Amino acid sequence: MRFHAQVDVTHRPGIADPQGATVERALPALGWTNVSKVAVAKSIRLVIDAADEVEARSQIDDMCRRFLTNPVLESFTVTISELTPSGADA
């Protein structure tokens, strides 16, 4: 089976987010004074072949812990959906 996965990576609570802080400071100068708590995160999208969704999630979780994220500084969430045979490899 083929699955599409999206991994959203964010800073753990208490970890500084200098990019988010920079964006938050810049927005009022551009006229958006009603924005706060800006956070910059990353999104990783991939297609994985696995026997089932449980195996796909297990492999992706392992990838995140070992390579895709820094577990000391970052948290991640994984969203998985099965690709249909006629579905595009997004």
N, C-alpha and C. Protein backbone atom coordinates (compact mmCIF):
# COMPACT_ATOMS: atom_id res chain seq x y z
N MET A 1 0.85 -1.17 0.00
CA MET A 1 0.00 0.00 0.00
C MET A 1 0.89 1.23 0.00
N ARG A 2 0.35 2.28 -0.52
CA ARG A 2 1.09 3.55 -0.61
C ARG A 2 0.35 4.61 0.20
N PHE A 3 1.12 5.34 1.00
CA PHE A 3 0.54 6.34 1.88
C PHE A 3 1.22 7.70 1.68
N HIS A 4 0.42 8.74 1.81
CA HIS A 4 0.94 10.11 1.83
C HIS A 4 1.03 10.51 3.30
N ALA A 5 2.14 11.06 3.71
CA ALA A 5 2.30 11.49 5.09
C ALA A 5 2.74 12.95 5.14
N GLN A 6 2.22 13.63 6.13
CA GLN A 6 2.65 15.00 6.39
C GLN A 6 3.13 15.05 7.83
N VAL A 7 4.35 15.51 8.01
CA VAL A 7 4.95 15.65 9.34
C VAL A 7 5.05 17.14 9.63
N ASP A 8 4.38 17.59 10.68
CA ASP A 8 4.46 18.99 11.10
C ASP A 8 5.39 19.05 12.31
N VAL A 9 6.42 19.87 12.20
CA VAL A 9 7.45 19.98 13.23
C VAL A 9 7.38 21.37 13.85
N THR A 10 7.27 21.41 15.17
CA THR A 10 7.20 22.69 15.89
C THR A 10 8.23 22.68 17.02
N HIS A 11 8.50 23.87 17.54
CA HIS A 11 9.40 23.98 18.70
C HIS A 11 8.69 23.44 19.94
N ARG A 12 9.43 22.80 20.81
CA ARG A 12 8.88 22.36 22.09
C ARG A 12 8.60 23.61 22.94
N PRO A 13 7.66 23.52 23.87
CA PRO A 13 7.39 24.66 24.76
C PRO A 13 8.66 25.12 25.46
N GLY A 14 8.85 26.42 25.52
CA GLY A 14 10.01 26.99 26.19
C GLY A 14 11.23 27.16 25.31
N ILE A 15 11.19 26.64 24.09
CA ILE A 15 12.31 26.78 23.16
C ILE A 15 12.12 28.06 22.34
N ALA A 16 13.15 28.87 22.26
CA ALA A 16 13.08 30.14 21.52
C ALA A 16 12.80 29.88 20.04
N ASP A 17 12.02 30.77 19.45
CA ASP A 17 11.68 30.71 18.03
C ASP A 17 12.07 32.05 17.41
N PRO A 18 13.35 32.25 17.09
CA PRO A 18 13.77 33.56 16.58
C PRO A 18 13.09 33.96 15.28
N GLN A 19 12.80 33.00 14.40
CA GLN A 19 12.10 33.35 13.16
C GLN A 19 10.69 33.85 13.46
N GLY A 20 10.00 33.16 14.34
CA GLY A 20 8.65 33.58 14.72
C GLY A 20 8.67 34.96 15.35
N ALA A 21 9.64 35.22 16.22
CA ALA A 21 9.76 36.52 16.88
C ALA A 21 10.03 37.63 15.86
N THR A 22 10.86 37.35 14.87
CA THR A 22 11.16 38.33 13.83
C THR A 22 9.92 38.66 13.02
N VAL A 23 9.18 37.64 12.65
CA VAL A 23 7.94 37.86 11.89
C VAL A 23 6.95 38.66 12.73
N GLU A 24 6.81 38.29 14.00
CA GLU A 24 5.86 38.98 14.87
C GLU A 24 6.22 40.46 15.03
N ARG A 25 7.51 40.78 15.13
CA ARG A 25 7.92 42.19 15.24
C ARG A 25 7.71 42.95 13.94
N ALA A 26 7.82 42.27 12.80
CA ALA A 26 7.70 42.95 11.50
C ALA A 26 6.25 43.21 11.08
N LEU A 27 5.33 42.38 11.48
CA LEU A 27 3.94 42.51 11.02
C LEU A 27 3.30 43.86 11.34
N PRO A 28 3.47 44.42 12.54
CA PRO A 28 2.86 45.73 12.81
C PRO A 28 3.35 46.83 11.86
N ALA A 29 4.61 46.78 11.48
CA ALA A 29 5.15 47.78 10.56
C ALA A 29 4.49 47.69 9.18
N LEU A 30 3.92 46.52 8.89
CA LEU A 30 3.24 46.33 7.61
C LEU A 30 1.73 46.50 7.74
N GLY A 31 1.27 46.93 8.91
CA GLY A 31 -0.14 47.23 9.10
C GLY A 31 -0.95 46.17 9.84
N TRP A 32 -0.33 45.05 10.16
CA TRP A 32 -1.06 44.00 10.88
C TRP A 32 -0.72 44.08 12.37
N THR A 33 -1.51 44.86 13.09
CA THR A 33 -1.25 45.07 14.51
C THR A 33 -2.06 44.11 15.38
N ASN A 34 -2.85 43.27 14.77
CA ASN A 34 -3.74 42.36 15.50
C ASN A 34 -3.23 40.93 15.55
N VAL A 35 -1.94 40.72 15.33
CA VAL A 35 -1.37 39.37 15.28
C VAL A 35 -0.41 39.18 16.46
N SER A 36 -0.49 38.01 17.09
CA SER A 36 0.44 37.70 18.19
C SER A 36 0.73 36.20 18.19
N LYS A 37 1.69 35.82 19.01
CA LYS A 37 2.07 34.42 19.19
C LYS A 37 2.43 33.74 17.86
N VAL A 38 3.23 34.41 17.05
CA VAL A 38 3.65 33.87 15.76
C VAL A 38 4.69 32.78 16.00
N ALA A 39 4.52 31.66 15.32
CA ALA A 39 5.47 30.56 15.39
C ALA A 39 5.79 30.11 13.97
N VAL A 40 7.05 29.90 13.70
CA VAL A 40 7.47 29.38 12.41
C VAL A 40 7.81 27.91 12.61
N ALA A 41 7.21 27.06 11.79
CA ALA A 41 7.41 25.62 11.89
C ALA A 41 7.79 25.09 10.52
N LYS A 42 8.01 23.78 10.44
CA LYS A 42 8.30 23.19 9.14
C LYS A 42 7.34 22.03 8.90
N SER A 43 7.11 21.78 7.62
CA SER A 43 6.24 20.69 7.21
C SER A 43 7.02 19.81 6.24
N ILE A 44 7.01 18.51 6.50
CA ILE A 44 7.70 17.55 5.65
C ILE A 44 6.64 16.63 5.07
N ARG A 45 6.60 16.51 3.77
CA ARG A 45 5.63 15.64 3.11
C ARG A 45 6.36 14.54 2.38
N LEU A 46 5.83 13.33 2.47
CA LEU A 46 6.47 12.21 1.80
C LEU A 46 5.45 11.15 1.44
N VAL A 47 5.84 10.27 0.53
CA VAL A 47 5.04 9.12 0.16
C VAL A 47 5.84 7.89 0.57
N ILE A 48 5.16 6.96 1.23
CA ILE A 48 5.83 5.76 1.75
C ILE A 48 5.03 4.53 1.37
N ASP A 49 5.73 3.49 0.98
CA ASP A 49 5.12 2.19 0.72
C ASP A 49 5.26 1.35 1.98
N ALA A 50 4.14 0.78 2.44
CA ALA A 50 4.15 -0.05 3.64
C ALA A 50 2.98 -1.03 3.56
N ALA A 51 3.05 -2.08 4.36
CA ALA A 51 2.01 -3.10 4.36
C ALA A 51 0.66 -2.54 4.81
N ASP A 52 0.70 -1.62 5.79
CA ASP A 52 -0.53 -1.02 6.29
C ASP A 52 -0.19 0.31 6.96
N GLU A 53 -1.23 1.00 7.42
CA GLU A 53 -1.02 2.33 8.02
C GLU A 53 -0.21 2.25 9.31
N VAL A 54 -0.39 1.19 10.08
CA VAL A 54 0.37 1.04 11.33
C VAL A 54 1.86 0.95 11.04
N GLU A 55 2.24 0.16 10.04
CA GLU A 55 3.66 0.05 9.69
C GLU A 55 4.19 1.37 9.15
N ALA A 56 3.39 2.04 8.32
CA ALA A 56 3.81 3.34 7.76
C ALA A 56 4.06 4.34 8.89
N ARG A 57 3.12 4.41 9.83
CA ARG A 57 3.27 5.36 10.95
C ARG A 57 4.48 5.01 11.80
N SER A 58 4.70 3.73 12.04
CA SER A 58 5.85 3.31 12.83
C SER A 58 7.16 3.73 12.17
N GLN A 59 7.26 3.53 10.86
CA GLN A 59 8.48 3.92 10.15
C GLN A 59 8.67 5.43 10.17
N ILE A 60 7.60 6.17 9.96
CA ILE A 60 7.70 7.63 9.93
C ILE A 60 8.06 8.17 11.31
N ASP A 61 7.46 7.61 12.36
CA ASP A 61 7.82 8.03 13.72
C ASP A 61 9.30 7.79 13.97
N ASP A 62 9.81 6.65 13.51
CA ASP A 62 11.23 6.34 13.68
C ASP A 62 12.09 7.34 12.90
N MET A 63 11.69 7.66 11.67
CA MET A 63 12.41 8.66 10.87
C MET A 63 12.47 9.99 11.61
N CYS A 64 11.34 10.38 12.19
CA CYS A 64 11.29 11.67 12.90
C CYS A 64 12.21 11.67 14.11
N ARG A 65 12.17 10.61 14.89
CA ARG A 65 13.00 10.54 16.10
C ARG A 65 14.49 10.46 15.77
N ARG A 66 14.83 9.79 14.66
CA ARG A 66 16.25 9.55 14.36
C ARG A 66 16.87 10.56 13.41
N PHE A 67 16.04 11.24 12.57
CA PHE A 67 16.65 12.06 11.52
C PHE A 67 15.91 13.36 11.21
N LEU A 68 14.60 13.31 11.08
CA LEU A 68 13.85 14.47 10.58
C LEU A 68 13.66 15.60 11.59
N THR A 69 13.77 15.29 12.88
CA THR A 69 13.60 16.32 13.90
C THR A 69 14.72 16.24 14.92
N ASN A 70 14.86 17.29 15.68
CA ASN A 70 15.75 17.30 16.83
C ASN A 70 14.86 17.11 18.06
N PRO A 71 14.82 15.90 18.64
CA PRO A 71 13.88 15.63 19.72
C PRO A 71 14.11 16.46 20.98
N VAL A 72 15.27 17.06 21.12
CA VAL A 72 15.52 17.92 22.27
C VAL A 72 14.78 19.25 22.11
N LEU A 73 14.69 19.75 20.88
CA LEU A 73 14.13 21.07 20.62
C LEU A 73 12.76 21.05 19.97
N GLU A 74 12.41 19.96 19.29
CA GLU A 74 11.21 19.95 18.44
C GLU A 74 10.25 18.82 18.79
N SER A 75 8.98 19.09 18.53
CA SER A 75 7.91 18.10 18.62
C SER A 75 7.38 17.89 17.21
N PHE A 76 6.71 16.75 16.99
CA PHE A 76 6.15 16.51 15.66
C PHE A 76 4.80 15.81 15.76
N THR A 77 3.99 16.04 14.74
CA THR A 77 2.74 15.32 14.56
C THR A 77 2.74 14.76 13.14
N VAL A 78 2.15 13.58 12.99
CA VAL A 78 2.12 12.91 11.70
C VAL A 78 0.67 12.70 11.27
N THR A 79 0.37 13.05 10.04
CA THR A 79 -0.94 12.79 9.43
C THR A 79 -0.71 11.89 8.23
N ILE A 80 -1.43 10.78 8.18
CA ILE A 80 -1.25 9.81 7.11
C ILE A 80 -2.58 9.56 6.41
N SER A 81 -2.51 9.47 5.09
CA SER A 81 -3.69 9.07 4.32
C SER A 81 -3.26 8.11 3.23
N GLU A 82 -4.10 7.13 2.96
CA GLU A 82 -3.80 6.14 1.92
C GLU A 82 -4.01 6.77 0.56
N LEU A 83 -3.06 6.54 -0.32
CA LEU A 83 -3.20 7.00 -1.70
C LEU A 83 -3.98 5.94 -2.47
N THR A 84 -4.95 6.39 -3.21
CA THR A 84 -5.70 5.45 -4.04
C THR A 84 -4.87 5.14 -5.27
N PRO A 85 -5.12 4.00 -5.91
CA PRO A 85 -4.35 3.65 -7.10
C PRO A 85 -4.36 4.74 -8.16
N SER A 86 -5.47 5.48 -8.25
CA SER A 86 -5.53 6.55 -9.26
C SER A 86 -5.08 7.89 -8.68
N GLY A 87 -4.74 7.93 -7.38
CA GLY A 87 -4.35 9.19 -6.72
C GLY A 87 -2.98 9.64 -7.15
N ALA A 88 -2.81 10.94 -7.19
CA ALA A 88 -1.50 11.51 -7.55
C ALA A 88 -0.56 11.38 -6.37
N ASP A 89 0.70 11.18 -6.65
CA ASP A 89 1.71 11.14 -5.59
C ASP A 89 2.02 12.55 -5.18
N ALA A 90 1.27 13.07 -4.22
CA ALA A 90 1.44 14.45 -3.78
C ALA A 90 2.69 14.65 -2.98
